[in-house]
Full PDB file with SEQRES, HELIX, SHEET, SSBOND, CRYST1, ORIGX, SCALE, CONECT and MASTER records, all heavy atoms in Angstrom:
SEQRES   1 A   31  PHE ASP GLY VAL GLU THR PHE ASP PHE GLU PRO ILE GLU          
SEQRES   2 A   31  VAL LEU HIS SER PRO LEU THR THR HIS ILE CYS TYR ARG          
SEQRES   3 A   31  LYS ARG ASP VAL GLY                                          
SHEET    1 AA1 2 PHE A   9  HIS A  16  0                                        
SHEET    2 AA1 2 THR A  21  LYS A  27 -1                                        
CRYST1    1.000    1.000    1.000  90.00  90.00  90.00 P 1           1          
ORIGX1      1.000000  0.000000  0.000000        0.00000                         
ORIGX2      0.000000  1.000000  0.000000        0.00000                         
ORIGX3      0.000000  0.000000  1.000000        0.00000                         
SCALE1      1.000000  0.000000  0.000000        0.00000                         
SCALE2      0.000000  1.000000  0.000000        0.00000                         
SCALE3      0.000000  0.000000  1.000000        0.00000                         
ATOM      1  N   PHE A   1      -5.909  -8.825   3.846  1.00  0.00           N  
ATOM      2  CA  PHE A   1      -5.730  -8.066   5.088  1.00  0.00           C  
ATOM      3  C   PHE A   1      -6.879  -8.273   6.065  1.00  0.00           C  
ATOM      4  O   PHE A   1      -7.024  -7.493   7.005  1.00  0.00           O  
ATOM      5  CB  PHE A   1      -5.540  -6.584   4.796  1.00  0.00           C  
ATOM      6  CG  PHE A   1      -4.277  -6.304   4.013  1.00  0.00           C  
ATOM      7  CD1 PHE A   1      -4.344  -5.758   2.745  1.00  0.00           C  
ATOM      8  CD2 PHE A   1      -3.041  -6.596   4.543  1.00  0.00           C  
ATOM      9  CE1 PHE A   1      -3.184  -5.519   2.021  1.00  0.00           C  
ATOM     10  CE2 PHE A   1      -1.876  -6.359   3.831  1.00  0.00           C  
ATOM     11  CZ  PHE A   1      -1.956  -5.825   2.560  1.00  0.00           C  
ATOM     12  N   ASP A   2      -7.692  -9.318   5.873  1.00  0.00           N  
ATOM     13  CA  ASP A   2      -8.755  -9.614   6.843  1.00  0.00           C  
ATOM     14  C   ASP A   2      -8.128  -9.947   8.195  1.00  0.00           C  
ATOM     15  O   ASP A   2      -7.182 -10.712   8.292  1.00  0.00           O  
ATOM     16  CB  ASP A   2      -9.571 -10.817   6.368  1.00  0.00           C  
ATOM     17  CG  ASP A   2     -10.997 -10.438   6.027  1.00  0.00           C  
ATOM     18  OD1 ASP A   2     -11.323  -9.240   6.086  1.00  0.00           O  
ATOM     19  OD2 ASP A   2     -11.784 -11.353   5.715  1.00  0.00           O  
ATOM     20  N   GLY A   3      -8.656  -9.345   9.256  1.00  0.00           N  
ATOM     21  CA  GLY A   3      -8.149  -9.605  10.584  1.00  0.00           C  
ATOM     22  C   GLY A   3      -6.999  -8.718  10.990  1.00  0.00           C  
ATOM     23  O   GLY A   3      -6.564  -8.764  12.146  1.00  0.00           O  
ATOM     24  N   VAL A   4      -6.491  -7.902  10.101  1.00  0.00           N  
ATOM     25  CA  VAL A   4      -5.410  -6.972  10.430  1.00  0.00           C  
ATOM     26  C   VAL A   4      -6.036  -5.723  11.046  1.00  0.00           C  
ATOM     27  O   VAL A   4      -6.865  -5.061  10.419  1.00  0.00           O  
ATOM     28  CB  VAL A   4      -4.583  -6.593   9.175  1.00  0.00           C  
ATOM     29  CG1 VAL A   4      -3.542  -5.534   9.504  1.00  0.00           C  
ATOM     30  CG2 VAL A   4      -3.946  -7.827   8.583  1.00  0.00           C  
ATOM     31  N   GLU A   5      -5.665  -5.411  12.277  1.00  0.00           N  
ATOM     32  CA  GLU A   5      -6.288  -4.283  12.973  1.00  0.00           C  
ATOM     33  C   GLU A   5      -5.815  -2.920  12.427  1.00  0.00           C  
ATOM     34  O   GLU A   5      -6.598  -2.003  12.275  1.00  0.00           O  
ATOM     35  CB  GLU A   5      -5.997  -4.367  14.465  1.00  0.00           C  
ATOM     36  CG  GLU A   5      -6.706  -5.539  15.124  1.00  0.00           C  
ATOM     37  CD  GLU A   5      -6.470  -5.597  16.618  1.00  0.00           C  
ATOM     38  OE1 GLU A   5      -6.127  -4.547  17.209  1.00  0.00           O  
ATOM     39  OE2 GLU A   5      -6.603  -6.682  17.182  1.00  0.00           O  
ATOM     40  N   THR A   6      -4.524  -2.808  12.167  1.00  0.00           N  
ATOM     41  CA  THR A   6      -4.007  -1.545  11.626  1.00  0.00           C  
ATOM     42  C   THR A   6      -3.103  -1.857  10.430  1.00  0.00           C  
ATOM     43  O   THR A   6      -2.403  -2.865  10.409  1.00  0.00           O  
ATOM     44  CB  THR A   6      -3.181  -0.760  12.666  1.00  0.00           C  
ATOM     45  OG1 THR A   6      -2.070  -1.540  13.073  1.00  0.00           O  
ATOM     46  CG2 THR A   6      -4.017  -0.373  13.867  1.00  0.00           C  
ATOM     47  N   PHE A   7      -3.154  -0.975   9.456  1.00  0.00           N  
ATOM     48  CA  PHE A   7      -2.304  -1.070   8.286  1.00  0.00           C  
ATOM     49  C   PHE A   7      -1.591   0.268   8.193  1.00  0.00           C  
ATOM     50  O   PHE A   7      -2.105   1.235   7.662  1.00  0.00           O  
ATOM     51  CB  PHE A   7      -3.133  -1.352   7.026  1.00  0.00           C  
ATOM     52  CG  PHE A   7      -2.312  -1.589   5.804  1.00  0.00           C  
ATOM     53  CD1 PHE A   7      -1.612  -2.771   5.646  1.00  0.00           C  
ATOM     54  CD2 PHE A   7      -2.243  -0.654   4.789  1.00  0.00           C  
ATOM     55  CE1 PHE A   7      -0.863  -3.010   4.508  1.00  0.00           C  
ATOM     56  CE2 PHE A   7      -1.511  -0.861   3.657  1.00  0.00           C  
ATOM     57  CZ  PHE A   7      -0.812  -2.050   3.505  1.00  0.00           C  
ATOM     58  N   ASP A   8      -0.396   0.356   8.799  1.00  0.00           N  
ATOM     59  CA  ASP A   8       0.342   1.604   8.928  1.00  0.00           C  
ATOM     60  C   ASP A   8       1.222   1.883   7.727  1.00  0.00           C  
ATOM     61  O   ASP A   8       2.376   2.326   7.875  1.00  0.00           O  
ATOM     62  CB  ASP A   8       1.155   1.617  10.219  1.00  0.00           C  
ATOM     63  CG  ASP A   8       0.299   1.643  11.461  1.00  0.00           C  
ATOM     64  OD1 ASP A   8      -0.802   2.220  11.398  1.00  0.00           O  
ATOM     65  OD2 ASP A   8       0.725   1.091  12.479  1.00  0.00           O  
ATOM     66  N   PHE A   9       0.716   1.619   6.541  1.00  0.00           N  
ATOM     67  CA  PHE A   9       1.452   1.889   5.317  1.00  0.00           C  
ATOM     68  C   PHE A   9       0.652   2.882   4.464  1.00  0.00           C  
ATOM     69  O   PHE A   9      -0.557   2.920   4.520  1.00  0.00           O  
ATOM     70  CB  PHE A   9       1.666   0.593   4.523  1.00  0.00           C  
ATOM     71  CG  PHE A   9       2.643  -0.343   5.141  1.00  0.00           C  
ATOM     72  CD1 PHE A   9       2.267  -1.180   6.154  1.00  0.00           C  
ATOM     73  CD2 PHE A   9       3.962  -0.368   4.698  1.00  0.00           C  
ATOM     74  CE1 PHE A   9       3.179  -2.060   6.732  1.00  0.00           C  
ATOM     75  CE2 PHE A   9       4.873  -1.246   5.270  1.00  0.00           C  
ATOM     76  CZ  PHE A   9       4.479  -2.082   6.289  1.00  0.00           C  
ATOM     77  N   GLU A  10       1.375   3.691   3.698  1.00  0.00           N  
ATOM     78  CA  GLU A  10       0.727   4.619   2.782  1.00  0.00           C  
ATOM     79  C   GLU A  10       1.209   4.324   1.366  1.00  0.00           C  
ATOM     80  O   GLU A  10       2.372   3.996   1.163  1.00  0.00           O  
ATOM     81  CB  GLU A  10       1.021   6.064   3.153  1.00  0.00           C  
ATOM     82  CG  GLU A  10       2.490   6.436   3.172  1.00  0.00           C  
ATOM     83  CD  GLU A  10       2.728   7.838   3.679  1.00  0.00           C  
ATOM     84  OE1 GLU A  10       1.795   8.637   3.714  1.00  0.00           O  
ATOM     85  OE2 GLU A  10       3.868   8.119   4.044  1.00  0.00           O  
ATOM     86  N   PRO A  11       0.324   4.446   0.380  1.00  0.00           N  
ATOM     87  CA  PRO A  11       0.749   4.188  -1.004  1.00  0.00           C  
ATOM     88  C   PRO A  11       1.688   5.301  -1.481  1.00  0.00           C  
ATOM     89  O   PRO A  11       1.428   6.474  -1.271  1.00  0.00           O  
ATOM     90  CB  PRO A  11      -0.563   4.190  -1.790  1.00  0.00           C  
ATOM     91  CG  PRO A  11      -1.529   4.919  -0.946  1.00  0.00           C  
ATOM     92  CD  PRO A  11      -1.078   4.757   0.479  1.00  0.00           C  
ATOM     93  N   ILE A  12       2.795   4.903  -2.092  1.00  0.00           N  
ATOM     94  CA  ILE A  12       3.744   5.893  -2.610  1.00  0.00           C  
ATOM     95  C   ILE A  12       3.860   5.847  -4.119  1.00  0.00           C  
ATOM     96  O   ILE A  12       4.340   6.792  -4.737  1.00  0.00           O  
ATOM     97  CB  ILE A  12       5.140   5.722  -1.956  1.00  0.00           C  
ATOM     98  CG1 ILE A  12       5.696   4.331  -2.188  1.00  0.00           C  
ATOM     99  CG2 ILE A  12       5.096   6.069  -0.483  1.00  0.00           C  
ATOM    100  CD1 ILE A  12       7.144   4.155  -1.774  1.00  0.00           C  
ATOM    101  N   GLU A  13       3.413   4.729  -4.732  1.00  0.00           N  
ATOM    102  CA  GLU A  13       3.482   4.607  -6.180  1.00  0.00           C  
ATOM    103  C   GLU A  13       2.430   3.615  -6.639  1.00  0.00           C  
ATOM    104  O   GLU A  13       2.257   2.556  -6.028  1.00  0.00           O  
ATOM    105  CB  GLU A  13       4.864   4.135  -6.623  1.00  0.00           C  
ATOM    106  CG  GLU A  13       5.033   4.031  -8.111  1.00  0.00           C  
ATOM    107  CD  GLU A  13       6.436   3.608  -8.521  1.00  0.00           C  
ATOM    108  OE1 GLU A  13       7.077   2.874  -7.752  1.00  0.00           O  
ATOM    109  OE2 GLU A  13       6.868   4.022  -9.594  1.00  0.00           O  
ATOM    110  N   VAL A  14       1.725   3.963  -7.705  1.00  0.00           N  
ATOM    111  CA  VAL A  14       0.740   3.059  -8.306  1.00  0.00           C  
ATOM    112  C   VAL A  14       0.982   3.023  -9.805  1.00  0.00           C  
ATOM    113  O   VAL A  14       1.034   4.072 -10.447  1.00  0.00           O  
ATOM    114  CB  VAL A  14      -0.699   3.520  -8.008  1.00  0.00           C  
ATOM    115  CG1 VAL A  14      -1.705   2.604  -8.674  1.00  0.00           C  
ATOM    116  CG2 VAL A  14      -0.959   3.618  -6.533  1.00  0.00           C  
ATOM    117  N   LEU A  15       1.177   1.835 -10.334  1.00  0.00           N  
ATOM    118  CA  LEU A  15       1.392   1.656 -11.771  1.00  0.00           C  
ATOM    119  C   LEU A  15       0.287   0.753 -12.301  1.00  0.00           C  
ATOM    120  O   LEU A  15       0.023  -0.324 -11.765  1.00  0.00           O  
ATOM    121  CB  LEU A  15       2.744   1.020 -12.053  1.00  0.00           C  
ATOM    122  CG  LEU A  15       3.956   1.788 -11.570  1.00  0.00           C  
ATOM    123  CD1 LEU A  15       5.216   0.948 -11.748  1.00  0.00           C  
ATOM    124  CD2 LEU A  15       4.089   3.108 -12.306  1.00  0.00           C  
ATOM    125  N   HIS A  16      -0.380   1.193 -13.385  1.00  0.00           N  
ATOM    126  CA  HIS A  16      -1.479   0.431 -13.981  1.00  0.00           C  
ATOM    127  C   HIS A  16      -1.043  -0.114 -15.347  1.00  0.00           C  
ATOM    128  O   HIS A  16      -0.302   0.521 -16.063  1.00  0.00           O  
ATOM    129  CB  HIS A  16      -2.701   1.320 -14.198  1.00  0.00           C  
ATOM    130  CG  HIS A  16      -3.222   1.950 -12.963  1.00  0.00           C  
ATOM    131  ND1 HIS A  16      -4.067   1.281 -12.122  1.00  0.00           N  
ATOM    132  CD2 HIS A  16      -3.033   3.163 -12.412  1.00  0.00           C  
ATOM    133  CE1 HIS A  16      -4.389   2.063 -11.113  1.00  0.00           C  
ATOM    134  NE2 HIS A  16      -3.761   3.229 -11.265  1.00  0.00           N  
ATOM    135  N   SER A  17      -1.549  -1.280 -15.661  1.00  0.00           N  
ATOM    136  CA  SER A  17      -1.422  -1.832 -16.991  1.00  0.00           C  
ATOM    137  C   SER A  17      -2.727  -2.566 -17.288  1.00  0.00           C  
ATOM    138  O   SER A  17      -3.549  -2.747 -16.378  1.00  0.00           O  
ATOM    139  CB  SER A  17      -0.214  -2.783 -17.081  1.00  0.00           C  
ATOM    140  OG  SER A  17      -0.490  -3.998 -16.440  1.00  0.00           O  
ATOM    141  N   PRO A  18      -2.956  -2.998 -18.507  1.00  0.00           N  
ATOM    142  CA  PRO A  18      -4.231  -3.683 -18.799  1.00  0.00           C  
ATOM    143  C   PRO A  18      -4.434  -4.973 -18.010  1.00  0.00           C  
ATOM    144  O   PRO A  18      -5.574  -5.376 -17.775  1.00  0.00           O  
ATOM    145  CB  PRO A  18      -4.137  -3.995 -20.295  1.00  0.00           C  
ATOM    146  CG  PRO A  18      -3.168  -2.984 -20.828  1.00  0.00           C  
ATOM    147  CD  PRO A  18      -2.189  -2.737 -19.713  1.00  0.00           C  
ATOM    148  N   LEU A  19      -3.361  -5.608 -17.562  1.00  0.00           N  
ATOM    149  CA  LEU A  19      -3.509  -6.921 -16.908  1.00  0.00           C  
ATOM    150  C   LEU A  19      -3.247  -6.920 -15.406  1.00  0.00           C  
ATOM    151  O   LEU A  19      -3.549  -7.887 -14.730  1.00  0.00           O  
ATOM    152  CB  LEU A  19      -2.571  -7.940 -17.569  1.00  0.00           C  
ATOM    153  CG  LEU A  19      -2.820  -8.184 -19.047  1.00  0.00           C  
ATOM    154  CD1 LEU A  19      -1.786  -9.140 -19.617  1.00  0.00           C  
ATOM    155  CD2 LEU A  19      -4.226  -8.724 -19.281  1.00  0.00           C  
ATOM    156  N   THR A  20      -2.660  -5.849 -14.888  1.00  0.00           N  
ATOM    157  CA  THR A  20      -2.312  -5.838 -13.456  1.00  0.00           C  
ATOM    158  C   THR A  20      -2.159  -4.421 -12.929  1.00  0.00           C  
ATOM    159  O   THR A  20      -2.036  -3.483 -13.697  1.00  0.00           O  
ATOM    160  CB  THR A  20      -1.020  -6.653 -13.194  1.00  0.00           C  
ATOM    161  OG1 THR A  20      -0.830  -6.792 -11.803  1.00  0.00           O  
ATOM    162  CG2 THR A  20       0.182  -5.980 -13.803  1.00  0.00           C  
ATOM    163  N   THR A  21      -2.186  -4.302 -11.630  1.00  0.00           N  
ATOM    164  CA  THR A  21      -1.911  -3.040 -10.938  1.00  0.00           C  
ATOM    165  C   THR A  21      -0.817  -3.292  -9.917  1.00  0.00           C  
ATOM    166  O   THR A  21      -0.869  -4.277  -9.181  1.00  0.00           O  
ATOM    167  CB  THR A  21      -3.167  -2.496 -10.242  1.00  0.00           C  
ATOM    168  OG1 THR A  21      -4.180  -2.284 -11.221  1.00  0.00           O  
ATOM    169  CG2 THR A  21      -2.887  -1.187  -9.545  1.00  0.00           C  
ATOM    170  N   HIS A  22       0.187  -2.441  -9.886  1.00  0.00           N  
ATOM    171  CA  HIS A  22       1.288  -2.553  -8.948  1.00  0.00           C  
ATOM    172  C   HIS A  22       1.193  -1.387  -7.971  1.00  0.00           C  
ATOM    173  O   HIS A  22       1.178  -0.238  -8.395  1.00  0.00           O  
ATOM    174  CB  HIS A  22       2.634  -2.505  -9.675  1.00  0.00           C  
ATOM    175  CG  HIS A  22       2.750  -3.454 -10.828  1.00  0.00           C  
ATOM    176  ND1 HIS A  22       3.056  -4.775 -10.630  1.00  0.00           N  
ATOM    177  CD2 HIS A  22       2.558  -3.279 -12.139  1.00  0.00           C  
ATOM    178  CE1 HIS A  22       3.072  -5.380 -11.805  1.00  0.00           C  
ATOM    179  NE2 HIS A  22       2.772  -4.492 -12.731  1.00  0.00           N  
ATOM    180  N   ILE A  23       1.134  -1.690  -6.681  1.00  0.00           N  
ATOM    181  CA  ILE A  23       1.054  -0.656  -5.651  1.00  0.00           C  
ATOM    182  C   ILE A  23       2.219  -0.827  -4.698  1.00  0.00           C  
ATOM    183  O   ILE A  23       2.420  -1.902  -4.143  1.00  0.00           O  
ATOM    184  CB  ILE A  23      -0.268  -0.729  -4.875  1.00  0.00           C  
ATOM    185  CG1 ILE A  23      -1.457  -0.712  -5.819  1.00  0.00           C  
ATOM    186  CG2 ILE A  23      -0.355   0.434  -3.886  1.00  0.00           C  
ATOM    187  CD1 ILE A  23      -2.782  -0.959  -5.140  1.00  0.00           C  
ATOM    188  N   CYS A  24       2.984   0.236  -4.511  1.00  0.00           N  
ATOM    189  CA  CYS A  24       4.097   0.221  -3.565  1.00  0.00           C  
ATOM    190  C   CYS A  24       3.702   1.044  -2.354  1.00  0.00           C  
ATOM    191  O   CYS A  24       3.282   2.192  -2.473  1.00  0.00           O  
ATOM    192  CB  CYS A  24       5.348   0.805  -4.235  1.00  0.00           C  
ATOM    193  SG  CYS A  24       6.807   0.666  -3.185  1.00  0.00           S  
ATOM    194  N   TYR A  25       3.787   0.426  -1.177  1.00  0.00           N  
ATOM    195  CA  TYR A  25       3.456   1.076   0.087  1.00  0.00           C  
ATOM    196  C   TYR A  25       4.719   1.288   0.904  1.00  0.00           C  
ATOM    197  O   TYR A  25       5.629   0.482   0.854  1.00  0.00           O  
ATOM    198  CB  TYR A  25       2.517   0.192   0.924  1.00  0.00           C  
ATOM    199  CG  TYR A  25       1.140   0.002   0.354  1.00  0.00           C  
ATOM    200  CD1 TYR A  25       0.846  -1.094  -0.442  1.00  0.00           C  
ATOM    201  CD2 TYR A  25       0.134   0.901   0.635  1.00  0.00           C  
ATOM    202  CE1 TYR A  25      -0.430  -1.282  -0.942  1.00  0.00           C  
ATOM    203  CE2 TYR A  25      -1.152   0.720   0.138  1.00  0.00           C  
ATOM    204  CZ  TYR A  25      -1.422  -0.385  -0.660  1.00  0.00           C  
ATOM    205  OH  TYR A  25      -2.680  -0.571  -1.135  1.00  0.00           O  
ATOM    206  N   ARG A  26       4.755   2.342   1.670  1.00  0.00           N  
ATOM    207  CA  ARG A  26       5.857   2.614   2.597  1.00  0.00           C  
ATOM    208  C   ARG A  26       5.296   2.789   3.992  1.00  0.00           C  
ATOM    209  O   ARG A  26       4.219   3.364   4.194  1.00  0.00           O  
ATOM    210  CB  ARG A  26       6.593   3.885   2.179  1.00  0.00           C  
ATOM    211  CG  ARG A  26       7.813   4.167   3.078  1.00  0.00           C  
ATOM    212  CD  ARG A  26       8.652   5.327   2.591  1.00  0.00           C  
ATOM    213  NE  ARG A  26       9.240   4.988   1.319  1.00  0.00           N  
ATOM    214  CZ  ARG A  26       9.470   5.867   0.336  1.00  0.00           C  
ATOM    215  NH1 ARG A  26       9.149   7.126   0.489  1.00  0.00           N  
ATOM    216  NH2 ARG A  26      10.001   5.475  -0.791  1.00  0.00           N  
ATOM    217  N   LYS A  27       6.021   2.301   4.983  1.00  0.00           N  
ATOM    218  CA  LYS A  27       5.631   2.408   6.386  1.00  0.00           C  
ATOM    219  C   LYS A  27       5.508   3.889   6.756  1.00  0.00           C  
ATOM    220  O   LYS A  27       6.373   4.688   6.446  1.00  0.00           O  
ATOM    221  CB  LYS A  27       6.692   1.737   7.269  1.00  0.00           C  
ATOM    222  CG  LYS A  27       6.376   1.723   8.724  1.00  0.00           C  
ATOM    223  CD  LYS A  27       5.462   0.606   9.065  1.00  0.00           C  
ATOM    224  CE  LYS A  27       5.356   0.484  10.586  1.00  0.00           C  
ATOM    225  NZ  LYS A  27       4.247  -0.309  10.968  1.00  0.00           N  
ATOM    226  N   ARG A  28       4.393   4.239   7.395  1.00  0.00           N  
ATOM    227  CA  ARG A  28       4.190   5.617   7.849  1.00  0.00           C  
ATOM    228  C   ARG A  28       5.137   5.935   8.980  1.00  0.00           C  
ATOM    229  O   ARG A  28       5.387   5.102   9.848  1.00  0.00           O  
ATOM    230  CB  ARG A  28       2.759   5.817   8.319  1.00  0.00           C  
ATOM    231  CG  ARG A  28       1.768   5.875   7.224  1.00  0.00           C  
ATOM    232  CD  ARG A  28       0.431   6.338   7.739  1.00  0.00           C  
ATOM    233  NE  ARG A  28      -0.487   6.346   6.614  1.00  0.00           N  
ATOM    234  CZ  ARG A  28      -1.681   5.807   6.633  1.00  0.00           C  
ATOM    235  NH1 ARG A  28      -2.127   5.197   7.707  1.00  0.00           N  
ATOM    236  NH2 ARG A  28      -2.439   5.876   5.584  1.00  0.00           N  
ATOM    237  N   ASP A  29       5.630   7.156   9.020  1.00  0.00           N  
ATOM    238  CA  ASP A  29       6.454   7.612  10.122  1.00  0.00           C  
ATOM    239  C   ASP A  29       5.586   7.775  11.374  1.00  0.00           C  
ATOM    240  O   ASP A  29       4.517   8.370  11.297  1.00  0.00           O  
ATOM    241  CB  ASP A  29       7.138   8.932   9.806  1.00  0.00           C  
ATOM    242  CG  ASP A  29       8.211   8.780   8.713  1.00  0.00           C  
ATOM    243  OD1 ASP A  29       8.783   7.688   8.628  1.00  0.00           O  
ATOM    244  OD2 ASP A  29       8.414   9.743   7.958  1.00  0.00           O  
ATOM    245  N   VAL A  30       6.068   7.277  12.476  1.00  0.00           N  
ATOM    246  CA  VAL A  30       5.369   7.429  13.738  1.00  0.00           C  
ATOM    247  C   VAL A  30       5.897   8.676  14.421  1.00  0.00           C  
ATOM    248  O   VAL A  30       7.089   8.827  14.599  1.00  0.00           O  
ATOM    249  CB  VAL A  30       5.553   6.188  14.650  1.00  0.00           C  
ATOM    250  CG1 VAL A  30       4.870   6.409  15.973  1.00  0.00           C  
ATOM    251  CG2 VAL A  30       5.046   4.947  13.941  1.00  0.00           C  
ATOM    252  N   GLY A  31       4.989   9.593  14.769  1.00  0.00           N  
ATOM    253  CA  GLY A  31       5.484  10.753  15.471  1.00  0.00           C  
ATOM    254  C   GLY A  31       4.776  12.006  15.176  1.00  0.00           C  
ATOM    255  O   GLY A  31       4.028  12.399  14.472  1.00  0.00           O  
TER     256      GLY A  31                                                      
MASTER        0    0    0    0    2    0    0    6  255    1    0    3          
END                                                                             
């Protein structure tokens, strides 16, 4: 995400395992 001015997503789910991490982001509502 280098050079990205805004990241309008919020994490909604995080799953951990010994070998990887899975993060699901959803677009934030504007308003």
